[in-house]
Amino acid sequence: MNEAGKIIMGEDIRQLTEDKLLEYSLKVSQRLAAYPDTMVQFTPNQIFEAMNAGRTILCLDKSGNLLAFGQIWHYGQSSRGQEIKEFGSWLSFKKGGFGVLVLKSARELHLDLYPLSQLVAIVEIENKKTQEIIEDLLKVKSQPTYSKFLKTKNGKPALMKMYDITLS
């Protein structure tokens, strides 16, 4: 493991103890709850299930503390019938570029798990920092989209930015 943290993803996560996975699941769910208007909410049980299904990426420090997290989940289908997966619940618990490691690893995991599908990242319209990270790191542009899951305070679908981050 280097200074930047250790990435554990996919089925390798099952090597961790159930207690650790439950601890991480609770921590992720609690952090998501801090952003109810801009991030899709998942219960600790849903996060735990995603971990056991091999659809998550963890970045841990040398002591096993969670530094960053992300998951891949089913988003929908394109107008051409191609399956779309979303890289979401992208969280950093400590500054230091750990979220970038999770983003890069998510693209690799997606290619391994769902090679025929598209991978997107959907970012809240005001989240300029995350938009910059994706645009600078991956050299991709966004397209505006309305969220299928998040609503504005007046009940309308939230305007977001969608990025195609598929690794090919």
C-alpha atoms as a PDB file:
ATOM      1  CA  MET A   1       0.000   0.000   0.000  1.00  0.00           C
ATOM      2  CA  ASN A   2       1.328   3.454  -0.836  1.00  0.00           C
ATOM      3  CA  GLU A   3       0.716   6.840   0.779  1.00  0.00           C
ATOM      4  CA  ALA A   4      -2.311   7.373  -1.428  1.00  0.00           C
ATOM      5  CA  GLY A   5      -4.249   4.502   0.117  1.00  0.00           C
ATOM      6  CA  LYS A   6      -5.121   1.017  -0.930  1.00  0.00           C
ATOM      7  CA  ILE A   7      -7.881   0.337  -3.444  1.00  0.00           C
ATOM      8  CA  ILE A   8     -10.038  -2.702  -2.848  1.00  0.00           C
ATOM      9  CA  MET A   9     -12.814  -3.293  -5.350  1.00  0.00           C
ATOM     10  CA  GLY A  10     -15.177  -5.803  -6.817  1.00  0.00           C
ATOM     11  CA  GLU A  11     -15.087  -9.300  -5.400  1.00  0.00           C
ATOM     12  CA  ASP A  12     -11.870  -8.558  -3.483  1.00  0.00           C
ATOM     13  CA  ILE A  13     -13.985  -6.598  -1.000  1.00  0.00           C
ATOM     14  CA  ARG A  14     -15.403  -9.907   0.239  1.00  0.00           C
ATOM     15  CA  GLN A  15     -11.976 -10.596   1.799  1.00  0.00           C
ATOM     16  CA  LEU A  16     -12.755  -7.991   4.444  1.00  0.00           C
ATOM     17  CA  THR A  17     -14.656  -9.029   7.560  1.00  0.00           C
ATOM     18  CA  GLU A  18     -18.415  -8.637   7.683  1.00  0.00           C
ATOM     19  CA  ASP A  19     -18.000  -6.276  10.646  1.00  0.00           C
ATOM     20  CA  LYS A  20     -15.731  -4.012   8.584  1.00  0.00           C
ATOM     21  CA  LEU A  21     -18.147  -4.038   5.648  1.00  0.00           C
ATOM     22  CA  LEU A  22     -21.029  -3.146   7.968  1.00  0.00           C
ATOM     23  CA  GLU A  23     -18.950  -0.343   9.496  1.00  0.00           C
ATOM     24  CA  TYR A  24     -18.132   1.073   6.047  1.00  0.00           C
ATOM     25  CA  SER A  25     -21.759   0.674   4.911  1.00  0.00           C
ATOM     26  CA  LEU A  26     -23.012   2.702   7.854  1.00  0.00           C
ATOM     27  CA  LYS A  27     -20.373   5.395   7.341  1.00  0.00           C
ATOM     28  CA  VAL A  28     -21.235   5.744   3.641  1.00  0.00           C
ATOM     29  CA  SER A  29     -24.978   5.855   4.283  1.00  0.00           C
ATOM     30  CA  GLN A  30     -24.538   8.489   6.993  1.00  0.00           C
ATOM     31  CA  ARG A  31     -22.404  10.658   4.700  1.00  0.00           C
ATOM     32  CA  LEU A  32     -24.948  10.336   1.877  1.00  0.00           C
ATOM     33  CA  ALA A  33     -27.655  11.459   4.311  1.00  0.00           C
ATOM     34  CA  ALA A  34     -25.801  14.761   4.660  1.00  0.00           C
ATOM     35  CA  TYR A  35     -26.613  15.455   0.971  1.00  0.00           C
ATOM     36  CA  PRO A  36     -30.296  14.521   0.549  1.00  0.00           C
ATOM     37  CA  ASP A  37     -30.898  17.009  -2.272  1.00  0.00           C
ATOM     38  CA  THR A  38     -27.842  16.198  -4.375  1.00  0.00           C
ATOM     39  CA  MET A  39     -27.040  12.501  -3.857  1.00  0.00           C
ATOM     40  CA  VAL A  40     -29.191   9.405  -4.198  1.00  0.00           C
ATOM     41  CA  GLN A  41     -29.765   7.929  -0.749  1.00  0.00           C
ATOM     42  CA  PHE A  42     -28.856   4.319   0.086  1.00  0.00           C
ATOM     43  CA  THR A  43     -29.410   2.501   3.357  1.00  0.00           C
ATOM     44  CA  PRO A  44     -26.522   0.750   5.092  1.00  0.00           C
ATOM     45  CA  ASN A  45     -28.082  -2.559   4.006  1.00  0.00           C
ATOM     46  CA  GLN A  46     -28.157  -1.476   0.343  1.00  0.00           C
ATOM     47  CA  ILE A  47     -24.504  -0.406   0.511  1.00  0.00           C
ATOM     48  CA  PHE A  48     -23.601  -3.698   2.209  1.00  0.00           C
ATOM     49  CA  GLU A  49     -25.426  -5.641  -0.535  1.00  0.00           C
ATOM     50  CA  ALA A  50     -23.568  -3.670  -3.233  1.00  0.00           C
ATOM     51  CA  MET A  51     -20.278  -4.528  -1.532  1.00  0.00           C
ATOM     52  CA  ASN A  52     -21.141  -8.215  -1.454  1.00  0.00           C
ATOM     53  CA  ALA A  53     -22.246  -8.071  -5.088  1.00  0.00           C
ATOM     54  CA  GLY A  54     -18.793  -6.780  -6.072  1.00  0.00           C
ATOM     55  CA  ARG A  55     -20.033  -3.389  -7.363  1.00  0.00           C
ATOM     56  CA  THR A  56     -18.108  -1.095  -5.007  1.00  0.00           C
ATOM     57  CA  ILE A  57     -14.697   0.511  -4.700  1.00  0.00           C
ATOM     58  CA  LEU A  58     -13.056   1.306  -1.357  1.00  0.00           C
ATOM     59  CA  CYS A  59      -9.921   3.299  -0.688  1.00  0.00           C
ATOM     60  CA  LEU A  60      -8.462   2.470   2.727  1.00  0.00           C
ATOM     61  CA  ASP A  61      -5.519   3.765   4.708  1.00  0.00           C
ATOM     62  CA  LYS A  62      -2.926   1.500   6.329  1.00  0.00           C
ATOM     63  CA  SER A  63      -5.131   1.099   9.411  1.00  0.00           C
ATOM     64  CA  GLY A  64      -8.203   0.133   7.396  1.00  0.00           C
ATOM     65  CA  ASN A  65      -9.958   3.493   7.750  1.00  0.00           C
ATOM     66  CA  LEU A  66     -12.237   4.413   4.860  1.00  0.00           C
ATOM     67  CA  LEU A  67     -10.766   7.247   2.804  1.00  0.00           C
ATOM     68  CA  ALA A  68     -13.086   7.171  -0.226  1.00  0.00           C
ATOM     69  CA  PHE A  69     -15.963   5.147  -1.665  1.00  0.00           C
ATOM     70  CA  GLY A  70     -17.898   4.669  -4.878  1.00  0.00           C
ATOM     71  CA  GLN A  71     -20.349   2.185  -6.341  1.00  0.00           C
ATOM     72  CA  ILE A  72     -21.680   1.145  -9.725  1.00  0.00           C
ATOM     73  CA  TRP A  73     -25.400   0.638 -10.042  1.00  0.00           C
ATOM     74  CA  HIS A  74     -28.014   0.209 -12.772  1.00  0.00           C
ATOM     75  CA  TYR A  75     -29.198   3.550 -14.134  1.00  0.00           C
ATOM     76  CA  GLY A  76     -31.305   2.623 -17.171  1.00  0.00           C
ATOM     77  CA  GLN A  77     -31.068   2.123 -20.914  1.00  0.00           C
ATOM     78  CA  SER A  78     -30.128   4.403 -23.766  1.00  0.00           C
ATOM     79  CA  SER A  79     -32.552   5.134 -26.583  1.00  0.00           C
ATOM     80  CA  ARG A  80     -30.669   2.466 -28.557  1.00  0.00           C
ATOM     81  CA  GLY A  81     -31.219  -0.128 -25.840  1.00  0.00           C
ATOM     82  CA  GLN A  82     -27.695  -0.091 -24.402  1.00  0.00           C
ATOM     83  CA  GLU A  83     -27.576  -0.676 -20.653  1.00  0.00           C
ATOM     84  CA  ILE A  84     -26.366   2.332 -18.645  1.00  0.00           C
ATOM     85  CA  LYS A  85     -24.592   2.007 -15.305  1.00  0.00           C
ATOM     86  CA  GLU A  86     -23.917   4.931 -13.012  1.00  0.00           C
ATOM     87  CA  PHE A  87     -20.835   5.512 -10.935  1.00  0.00           C
ATOM     88  CA  GLY A  88     -22.383   7.049  -7.854  1.00  0.00           C
ATOM     89  CA  SER A  89     -22.218   7.533  -4.101  1.00  0.00           C
ATOM     90  CA  TRP A  90     -18.765   8.936  -4.831  1.00  0.00           C
ATOM     91  CA  LEU A  91     -17.493  10.134  -1.479  1.00  0.00           C
ATOM     92  CA  SER A  92     -14.170  11.204  -0.024  1.00  0.00           C
ATOM     93  CA  PHE A  93     -13.754  11.048   3.727  1.00  0.00           C
ATOM     94  CA  LYS A  94     -10.318  12.675   3.715  1.00  0.00           C
ATOM     95  CA  LYS A  95      -8.564  15.074   1.356  1.00  0.00           C
ATOM     96  CA  GLY A  96      -5.596  13.790  -0.573  1.00  0.00           C
ATOM     97  CA  GLY A  97      -6.780  12.615  -3.986  1.00  0.00           C
ATOM     98  CA  PHE A  98      -8.402   9.428  -2.688  1.00  0.00           C
ATOM     99  CA  GLY A  99     -11.626  10.103  -4.576  1.00  0.00           C
ATOM    100  CA  VAL A 100      -9.676  10.327  -7.823  1.00  0.00           C
ATOM    101  CA  LEU A 101      -8.245   6.856  -7.162  1.00  0.00           C
ATOM    102  CA  VAL A 102     -11.778   5.547  -6.650  1.00  0.00           C
ATOM    103  CA  LEU A 103     -12.977   7.185  -9.886  1.00  0.00           C
ATOM    104  CA  LYS A 104     -10.151   5.650 -11.921  1.00  0.00           C
ATOM    105  CA  SER A 105     -10.738   2.246 -10.340  1.00  0.00           C
ATOM    106  CA  ALA A 106     -14.484   2.434 -10.953  1.00  0.00           C
ATOM    107  CA  ARG A 107     -13.886   2.711 -14.683  1.00  0.00           C
ATOM    108  CA  GLU A 108     -11.741  -0.449 -14.598  1.00  0.00           C
ATOM    109  CA  LEU A 109     -14.274  -2.321 -12.463  1.00  0.00           C
ATOM    110  CA  HIS A 110     -17.075  -1.305 -14.820  1.00  0.00           C
ATOM    111  CA  LEU A 111     -15.153  -2.629 -17.815  1.00  0.00           C
ATOM    112  CA  ASP A 112     -14.622  -5.950 -16.008  1.00  0.00           C
ATOM    113  CA  LEU A 113     -18.234  -6.318 -14.837  1.00  0.00           C
ATOM    114  CA  TYR A 114     -20.266  -4.714 -17.618  1.00  0.00           C
ATOM    115  CA  PRO A 115     -18.108  -4.447 -20.761  1.00  0.00           C
ATOM    116  CA  LEU A 116     -21.053  -3.836 -23.104  1.00  0.00           C
ATOM    117  CA  SER A 117     -22.675  -1.093 -21.045  1.00  0.00           C
ATOM    118  CA  GLN A 118     -22.075   2.623 -20.789  1.00  0.00           C
ATOM    119  CA  LEU A 119     -20.803   4.133 -17.524  1.00  0.00           C
ATOM    120  CA  VAL A 120     -21.957   7.614 -16.549  1.00  0.00           C
ATOM    121  CA  ALA A 121     -21.297   9.964 -13.674  1.00  0.00           C
ATOM    122  CA  ILE A 122     -24.105  12.357 -12.824  1.00  0.00           C
ATOM    123  CA  VAL A 123     -23.107  15.466 -10.913  1.00  0.00           C
ATOM    124  CA  GLU A 124     -25.250  18.136  -9.294  1.00  0.00           C
ATOM    125  CA  ILE A 125     -25.216  21.289 -11.423  1.00  0.00           C
ATOM    126  CA  GLU A 126     -23.657  23.448  -8.679  1.00  0.00           C
ATOM    127  CA  ASN A 127     -20.894  20.966  -7.766  1.00  0.00           C
ATOM    128  CA  LYS A 128     -18.147  22.706  -9.740  1.00  0.00           C
ATOM    129  CA  LYS A 129     -15.261  20.971  -7.944  1.00  0.00           C
ATOM    130  CA  THR A 130     -16.423  17.476  -8.920  1.00  0.00           C
ATOM    131  CA  GLN A 131     -17.158  18.651 -12.458  1.00  0.00           C
ATOM    132  CA  GLU A 132     -13.606  20.020 -12.720  1.00  0.00           C
ATOM    133  CA  ILE A 133     -12.102  16.761 -11.459  1.00  0.00           C
ATOM    134  CA  ILE A 134     -13.999  14.691 -14.023  1.00  0.00           C
ATOM    135  CA  GLU A 135     -13.392  17.090 -16.905  1.00  0.00           C
ATOM    136  CA  ASP A 136      -9.678  17.602 -16.159  1.00  0.00           C
ATOM    137  CA  LEU A 137      -8.850  13.998 -15.327  1.00  0.00           C
ATOM    138  CA  LEU A 138     -10.905  12.219 -17.992  1.00  0.00           C
ATOM    139  CA  LYS A 139     -11.031  14.941 -20.656  1.00  0.00           C
ATOM    140  CA  VAL A 140     -14.786  14.539 -21.099  1.00  0.00           C
ATOM    141  CA  LYS A 141     -17.597  17.052 -21.477  1.00  0.00           C
ATOM    142  CA  SER A 142     -21.004  16.895 -19.872  1.00  0.00           C
ATOM    143  CA  GLN A 143     -24.519  17.134 -21.132  1.00  0.00           C
ATOM    144  CA  PRO A 144     -27.337  18.560 -19.041  1.00  0.00           C
ATOM    145  CA  THR A 145     -29.897  16.050 -17.848  1.00  0.00           C
ATOM    146  CA  TYR A 146     -32.727  15.920 -15.368  1.00  0.00           C
ATOM    147  CA  SER A 147     -32.328  13.437 -12.533  1.00  0.00           C
ATOM    148  CA  LYS A 148     -34.576  10.392 -12.460  1.00  0.00           C
ATOM    149  CA  PHE A 149     -34.068  10.189  -8.693  1.00  0.00           C
ATOM    150  CA  LEU A 150     -33.452  13.656  -7.210  1.00  0.00           C
ATOM    151  CA  LYS A 151     -36.022  16.430  -6.959  1.00  0.00           C
ATOM    152  CA  THR A 152     -35.711  20.157  -6.340  1.00  0.00           C
ATOM    153  CA  LYS A 153     -37.353  21.701  -3.311  1.00  0.00           C
ATOM    154  CA  ASN A 154     -40.445  22.432  -5.438  1.00  0.00           C
ATOM    155  CA  GLY A 155     -40.701  18.772  -6.508  1.00  0.00           C
ATOM    156  CA  LYS A 156     -39.322  19.019 -10.040  1.00  0.00           C
ATOM    157  CA  PRO A 157     -36.501  16.788 -11.317  1.00  0.00           C
ATOM    158  CA  ALA A 158     -33.118  18.295 -10.418  1.00  0.00           C
ATOM    159  CA  LEU A 159     -30.939  19.572 -13.249  1.00  0.00           C
ATOM    160  CA  MET A 160     -27.649  17.674 -13.284  1.00  0.00           C
ATOM    161  CA  LYS A 161     -24.609  17.214 -15.513  1.00  0.00           C
ATOM    162  CA  MET A 162     -24.064  13.758 -17.007  1.00  0.00           C
ATOM    163  CA  TYR A 163     -20.639  12.553 -18.088  1.00  0.00           C
ATOM    164  CA  ASP A 164     -19.889   9.472 -20.171  1.00  0.00           C
ATOM    165  CA  ILE A 165     -16.900   8.040 -18.287  1.00  0.00           C
ATOM    166  CA  THR A 166     -16.823   4.635 -19.985  1.00  0.00           C
ATOM    167  CA  LEU A 167     -13.319   3.202 -20.283  1.00  0.00           C
ATOM    168  CA  SER A 168     -12.841   1.655 -23.699  1.00  0.00           C
END
